[in-house]
Amino acid sequence: GESLEEAVLREVQEESGVVVDLNTLQYHSTQPWLFPRSLMVGFLVQPHPLSPPVTVDMDELEDVRWFDKASVRNCLQGLPRVPGSDLPQGFHLPTPATLAHALISSWALEK
């Protein structure tokens, strides 16, 4: 078996190639998942300073990118895109009822 913390490290690295800094790992919240007897667990974590560049495991994820907080914050607040924003046209956020939205909001709106 593995701890939740070890699972975060492994999953992020397997799916994005990013090595996380476990010193920044913070539990956020949980959400029941569609499959029977499953639970999604949400953590916030930062990449390790020496992490290799992002790579995408196309069997697991469609895309992986970094976005700046100001751009995501404007999107959350329904404001126009920040000039020079790195958000692509058609960028959208998960619905507010999801764990993904809660994690993104927590990150983008923190000071």
N, C-alpha and C. Protein backbone atom coordinates (compact mmCIF):
# COMPACT_ATOMS: atom_id res chain seq x y z
N GLY A 1 0.82 -1.19 0.00
CA GLY A 1 0.00 0.00 0.00
C GLY A 1 0.86 1.25 0.00
N GLU A 2 0.19 2.36 -0.15
CA GLU A 2 0.87 3.64 -0.12
C GLU A 2 0.00 4.67 0.60
N SER A 3 0.64 5.68 1.13
CA SER A 3 -0.10 6.75 1.79
C SER A 3 -0.73 7.66 0.73
N LEU A 4 -1.66 8.49 1.17
CA LEU A 4 -2.25 9.47 0.24
C LEU A 4 -1.16 10.39 -0.30
N GLU A 5 -0.23 10.79 0.55
CA GLU A 5 0.85 11.67 0.13
C GLU A 5 1.71 11.00 -0.96
N GLU A 6 2.01 9.74 -0.76
CA GLU A 6 2.78 9.00 -1.77
C GLU A 6 1.99 8.86 -3.06
N ALA A 7 0.68 8.69 -2.95
CA ALA A 7 -0.16 8.58 -4.14
C ALA A 7 -0.16 9.89 -4.94
N VAL A 8 -0.18 11.02 -4.25
CA VAL A 8 -0.12 12.32 -4.94
C VAL A 8 1.18 12.42 -5.73
N LEU A 9 2.28 12.14 -5.07
CA LEU A 9 3.59 12.19 -5.73
C LEU A 9 3.61 11.30 -6.97
N ARG A 10 3.18 10.06 -6.81
CA ARG A 10 3.21 9.09 -7.91
C ARG A 10 2.28 9.50 -9.05
N GLU A 11 1.04 9.84 -8.72
CA GLU A 11 0.06 10.17 -9.76
C GLU A 11 0.46 11.40 -10.57
N VAL A 12 0.89 12.45 -9.88
CA VAL A 12 1.30 13.66 -10.60
C VAL A 12 2.46 13.35 -11.53
N GLN A 13 3.45 12.62 -11.02
CA GLN A 13 4.61 12.31 -11.84
C GLN A 13 4.25 11.39 -13.00
N GLU A 14 3.44 10.37 -12.76
CA GLU A 14 3.06 9.45 -13.83
C GLU A 14 2.27 10.15 -14.94
N GLU A 15 1.36 11.05 -14.55
CA GLU A 15 0.45 11.63 -15.53
C GLU A 15 0.96 12.91 -16.17
N SER A 16 1.88 13.62 -15.49
CA SER A 16 2.34 14.90 -16.06
C SER A 16 3.86 15.01 -16.16
N GLY A 17 4.58 14.07 -15.56
CA GLY A 17 6.04 14.16 -15.55
C GLY A 17 6.58 15.11 -14.50
N VAL A 18 5.70 15.82 -13.80
CA VAL A 18 6.11 16.81 -12.80
C VAL A 18 6.41 16.11 -11.47
N VAL A 19 7.56 16.46 -10.90
CA VAL A 19 7.91 15.98 -9.56
C VAL A 19 7.46 17.05 -8.58
N VAL A 20 6.67 16.66 -7.58
CA VAL A 20 6.15 17.64 -6.63
C VAL A 20 7.05 17.79 -5.42
N ASP A 21 6.93 18.95 -4.77
CA ASP A 21 7.65 19.24 -3.54
C ASP A 21 6.75 18.85 -2.39
N LEU A 22 7.03 17.71 -1.75
CA LEU A 22 6.18 17.22 -0.68
C LEU A 22 6.10 18.16 0.51
N ASN A 23 7.05 19.07 0.63
CA ASN A 23 7.00 20.06 1.72
C ASN A 23 5.86 21.06 1.53
N THR A 24 5.32 21.14 0.31
CA THR A 24 4.22 22.09 0.03
C THR A 24 2.87 21.39 -0.01
N LEU A 25 2.84 20.09 0.18
CA LEU A 25 1.60 19.32 0.07
C LEU A 25 0.59 19.72 1.15
N GLN A 26 -0.63 20.05 0.73
CA GLN A 26 -1.70 20.42 1.67
C GLN A 26 -2.97 19.68 1.28
N TYR A 27 -3.55 18.98 2.24
CA TYR A 27 -4.86 18.37 2.03
C TYR A 27 -5.89 19.48 1.86
N HIS A 28 -6.83 19.31 0.92
CA HIS A 28 -7.87 20.32 0.70
C HIS A 28 -9.25 19.78 1.07
N SER A 29 -9.72 18.76 0.38
CA SER A 29 -11.07 18.25 0.62
C SER A 29 -11.28 16.96 -0.17
N THR A 30 -12.48 16.39 -0.03
CA THR A 30 -12.82 15.17 -0.76
C THR A 30 -14.15 15.34 -1.49
N GLN A 31 -14.40 14.41 -2.41
CA GLN A 31 -15.68 14.38 -3.13
C GLN A 31 -15.97 12.93 -3.50
N PRO A 32 -17.21 12.47 -3.25
CA PRO A 32 -17.55 11.12 -3.72
C PRO A 32 -17.43 11.06 -5.23
N TRP A 33 -17.05 9.92 -5.75
CA TRP A 33 -16.87 9.77 -7.18
C TRP A 33 -17.99 8.91 -7.74
N LEU A 34 -18.16 8.96 -9.05
CA LEU A 34 -19.28 8.28 -9.71
C LEU A 34 -19.25 6.77 -9.54
N PHE A 35 -18.06 6.21 -9.47
CA PHE A 35 -17.97 4.76 -9.36
C PHE A 35 -18.31 4.35 -7.93
N PRO A 36 -18.91 3.20 -7.77
CA PRO A 36 -19.30 2.76 -6.42
C PRO A 36 -18.10 2.69 -5.47
N ARG A 37 -18.35 3.15 -4.26
CA ARG A 37 -17.35 3.06 -3.19
C ARG A 37 -16.02 3.73 -3.53
N SER A 38 -16.08 4.85 -4.24
CA SER A 38 -14.86 5.58 -4.59
C SER A 38 -14.91 6.99 -4.01
N LEU A 39 -13.75 7.53 -3.72
CA LEU A 39 -13.66 8.86 -3.14
C LEU A 39 -12.49 9.59 -3.79
N MET A 40 -12.75 10.80 -4.28
CA MET A 40 -11.67 11.64 -4.80
C MET A 40 -11.12 12.44 -3.62
N VAL A 41 -9.80 12.54 -3.54
CA VAL A 41 -9.15 13.29 -2.47
C VAL A 41 -8.35 14.40 -3.13
N GLY A 42 -8.59 15.64 -2.69
CA GLY A 42 -7.94 16.79 -3.30
C GLY A 42 -6.81 17.35 -2.45
N PHE A 43 -5.68 17.57 -3.08
CA PHE A 43 -4.52 18.18 -2.44
C PHE A 43 -4.04 19.35 -3.29
N LEU A 44 -3.41 20.31 -2.65
CA LEU A 44 -2.69 21.38 -3.33
C LEU A 44 -1.21 21.11 -3.11
N VAL A 45 -0.40 21.29 -4.15
CA VAL A 45 1.03 21.03 -4.04
C VAL A 45 1.74 21.83 -5.13
N GLN A 46 2.98 22.15 -4.89
CA GLN A 46 3.78 22.88 -5.87
C GLN A 46 4.83 21.95 -6.46
N PRO A 47 5.28 22.25 -7.67
CA PRO A 47 6.33 21.43 -8.26
C PRO A 47 7.65 21.62 -7.53
N HIS A 48 8.45 20.58 -7.52
CA HIS A 48 9.79 20.69 -6.98
C HIS A 48 10.59 21.62 -7.89
N PRO A 49 11.46 22.46 -7.32
CA PRO A 49 12.22 23.40 -8.16
C PRO A 49 13.06 22.73 -9.25
N LEU A 50 13.45 21.48 -9.04
CA LEU A 50 14.26 20.77 -10.04
C LEU A 50 13.44 19.80 -10.88
N SER A 51 12.12 19.95 -10.85
CA SER A 51 11.24 19.05 -11.61
C SER A 51 11.50 19.17 -13.11
N PRO A 52 11.45 18.06 -13.83
CA PRO A 52 11.58 18.15 -15.29
C PRO A 52 10.35 18.84 -15.89
N PRO A 53 10.43 19.24 -17.15
CA PRO A 53 9.28 19.89 -17.80
C PRO A 53 8.06 18.96 -17.85
N VAL A 54 6.90 19.56 -18.05
CA VAL A 54 5.65 18.83 -18.14
C VAL A 54 5.66 17.92 -19.37
N THR A 55 5.20 16.68 -19.18
CA THR A 55 4.94 15.76 -20.27
C THR A 55 3.57 15.15 -20.00
N VAL A 56 2.83 14.83 -21.04
CA VAL A 56 1.46 14.36 -20.86
C VAL A 56 1.36 12.87 -21.16
N ASP A 57 0.79 12.11 -20.22
CA ASP A 57 0.43 10.72 -20.47
C ASP A 57 -0.94 10.75 -21.13
N MET A 58 -0.99 10.62 -22.45
CA MET A 58 -2.23 10.76 -23.21
C MET A 58 -3.26 9.68 -22.88
N ASP A 59 -2.85 8.61 -22.20
CA ASP A 59 -3.82 7.60 -21.76
C ASP A 59 -4.57 8.07 -20.52
N GLU A 60 -4.01 9.06 -19.82
CA GLU A 60 -4.60 9.55 -18.57
C GLU A 60 -5.18 10.96 -18.68
N LEU A 61 -4.48 11.85 -19.39
CA LEU A 61 -4.86 13.25 -19.47
C LEU A 61 -4.91 13.73 -20.91
N GLU A 62 -5.76 14.69 -21.15
CA GLU A 62 -5.85 15.30 -22.48
C GLU A 62 -4.80 16.39 -22.65
N ASP A 63 -4.51 17.10 -21.57
CA ASP A 63 -3.60 18.24 -21.66
C ASP A 63 -3.08 18.58 -20.27
N VAL A 64 -1.89 19.15 -20.20
CA VAL A 64 -1.32 19.66 -18.96
C VAL A 64 -0.65 20.99 -19.30
N ARG A 65 -0.99 22.03 -18.55
CA ARG A 65 -0.38 23.35 -18.76
C ARG A 65 -0.32 24.10 -17.45
N TRP A 66 0.53 25.13 -17.43
CA TRP A 66 0.60 26.06 -16.30
C TRP A 66 -0.15 27.32 -16.69
N PHE A 67 -0.89 27.93 -15.74
CA PHE A 67 -1.59 29.19 -15.97
C PHE A 67 -1.30 30.13 -14.82
N ASP A 68 -1.30 31.43 -15.11
CA ASP A 68 -1.06 32.39 -14.04
C ASP A 68 -2.34 32.66 -13.25
N LYS A 69 -2.17 33.00 -11.98
CA LYS A 69 -3.31 33.20 -11.08
C LYS A 69 -4.23 34.31 -11.55
N ALA A 70 -3.67 35.42 -12.03
CA ALA A 70 -4.51 36.55 -12.43
C ALA A 70 -5.49 36.15 -13.53
N SER A 71 -5.03 35.38 -14.48
CA SER A 71 -5.89 34.95 -15.58
C SER A 71 -6.99 34.02 -15.10
N VAL A 72 -6.62 33.07 -14.25
CA VAL A 72 -7.60 32.11 -13.73
C VAL A 72 -8.58 32.84 -12.80
N ARG A 73 -8.09 33.76 -11.99
CA ARG A 73 -8.95 34.53 -11.09
C ARG A 73 -10.01 35.31 -11.89
N ASN A 74 -9.60 35.95 -12.97
CA ASN A 74 -10.55 36.67 -13.81
C ASN A 74 -11.60 35.73 -14.39
N CYS A 75 -11.16 34.57 -14.82
CA CYS A 75 -12.09 33.57 -15.37
C CYS A 75 -13.10 33.15 -14.31
N LEU A 76 -12.64 32.91 -13.09
CA LEU A 76 -13.53 32.52 -11.99
C LEU A 76 -14.55 33.60 -11.69
N GLN A 77 -14.14 34.86 -11.84
CA GLN A 77 -15.01 35.98 -11.52
C GLN A 77 -15.82 36.46 -12.71
N GLY A 78 -15.71 35.76 -13.85
CA GLY A 78 -16.47 36.12 -15.04
C GLY A 78 -15.99 37.39 -15.70
N LEU A 79 -14.75 37.78 -15.42
CA LEU A 79 -14.18 38.99 -16.01
C LEU A 79 -13.52 38.68 -17.34
N PRO A 80 -13.28 39.71 -18.15
CA PRO A 80 -12.60 39.48 -19.43
C PRO A 80 -11.20 38.91 -19.22
N ARG A 81 -10.70 38.30 -20.26
CA ARG A 81 -9.34 37.75 -20.21
C ARG A 81 -8.33 38.86 -19.94
N VAL A 82 -7.32 38.54 -19.18
CA VAL A 82 -6.23 39.47 -18.90
C VAL A 82 -5.44 39.67 -20.20
N PRO A 83 -5.14 40.93 -20.58
CA PRO A 83 -4.32 41.14 -21.78
C PRO A 83 -3.02 40.36 -21.69
N GLY A 84 -2.69 39.66 -22.76
CA GLY A 84 -1.49 38.84 -22.78
C GLY A 84 -1.62 37.54 -22.02
N SER A 85 -2.85 37.19 -21.64
CA SER A 85 -3.11 35.98 -20.87
C SER A 85 -2.64 34.73 -21.58
N ASP A 86 -2.21 33.77 -20.79
CA ASP A 86 -1.82 32.48 -21.36
C ASP A 86 -3.00 31.52 -21.45
N LEU A 87 -4.21 31.97 -21.08
CA LEU A 87 -5.39 31.11 -21.20
C LEU A 87 -5.80 31.02 -22.66
N PRO A 88 -5.96 29.81 -23.18
CA PRO A 88 -6.36 29.67 -24.58
C PRO A 88 -7.81 30.10 -24.80
N GLN A 89 -8.13 30.48 -26.03
CA GLN A 89 -9.52 30.76 -26.38
C GLN A 89 -10.35 29.53 -26.05
N GLY A 90 -11.55 29.73 -25.53
CA GLY A 90 -12.41 28.60 -25.20
C GLY A 90 -12.09 27.97 -23.86
N PHE A 91 -11.12 28.52 -23.11
CA PHE A 91 -10.78 27.98 -21.80
C PHE A 91 -12.01 28.02 -20.90
N HIS A 92 -12.26 26.96 -20.19
CA HIS A 92 -13.38 26.95 -19.25
C HIS A 92 -12.96 26.19 -17.98
N LEU A 93 -13.66 26.46 -16.93
CA LEU A 93 -13.39 25.81 -15.64
C LEU A 93 -14.39 24.70 -15.38
N PRO A 94 -14.02 23.73 -14.55
CA PRO A 94 -14.99 22.72 -14.14
C PRO A 94 -16.17 23.38 -13.43
N THR A 95 -17.29 22.71 -13.40
CA THR A 95 -18.48 23.28 -12.76
C THR A 95 -18.23 23.47 -11.26
N PRO A 96 -18.90 24.46 -10.65
CA PRO A 96 -18.66 24.78 -9.24
C PRO A 96 -18.91 23.63 -8.26
N ALA A 97 -19.68 22.64 -8.63
CA ALA A 97 -19.98 21.53 -7.72
C ALA A 97 -18.85 20.50 -7.64
N THR A 98 -17.77 20.69 -8.39
CA THR A 98 -16.72 19.68 -8.46
C THR A 98 -15.53 19.99 -7.55
N LEU A 99 -14.83 18.95 -7.17
CA LEU A 99 -13.61 19.08 -6.41
C LEU A 99 -12.57 19.86 -7.21
N ALA A 100 -12.50 19.61 -8.51
CA ALA A 100 -11.54 20.33 -9.37
C ALA A 100 -11.76 21.84 -9.28
N HIS A 101 -13.00 22.27 -9.33
CA HIS A 101 -13.31 23.70 -9.23
C HIS A 101 -12.89 24.24 -7.86
N ALA A 102 -13.15 23.49 -6.80
CA ALA A 102 -12.77 23.92 -5.46
C ALA A 102 -11.26 24.08 -5.34
N LEU A 103 -10.50 23.15 -5.90
CA LEU A 103 -9.04 23.23 -5.86
C LEU A 103 -8.52 24.44 -6.64
N ILE A 104 -9.06 24.62 -7.84
CA ILE A 104 -8.64 25.75 -8.67
C ILE A 104 -8.98 27.07 -7.99
N SER A 105 -10.18 27.17 -7.45
CA SER A 105 -10.60 28.40 -6.76
C SER A 105 -9.71 28.69 -5.56
N SER A 106 -9.43 27.67 -4.77
CA SER A 106 -8.60 27.85 -3.59
C SER A 106 -7.22 28.38 -3.98
N TRP A 107 -6.63 27.82 -5.02
CA TRP A 107 -5.31 28.25 -5.48
C TRP A 107 -5.36 29.67 -6.05
N ALA A 108 -6.31 29.93 -6.94
CA ALA A 108 -6.36 31.20 -7.65
C ALA A 108 -6.72 32.37 -6.75
N LEU A 109 -7.55 32.12 -5.74
CA LEU A 109 -8.03 33.22 -4.91
C LEU A 109 -7.20 33.44 -3.64
N GLU A 110 -6.18 32.57 -3.40
CA GLU A 110 -5.34 32.77 -2.22
C GLU A 110 -4.46 34.00 -2.45
N LYS A 111 -4.11 34.63 -1.39
CA LYS A 111 -3.26 35.84 -1.47
C LYS A 111 -1.81 35.46 -1.45
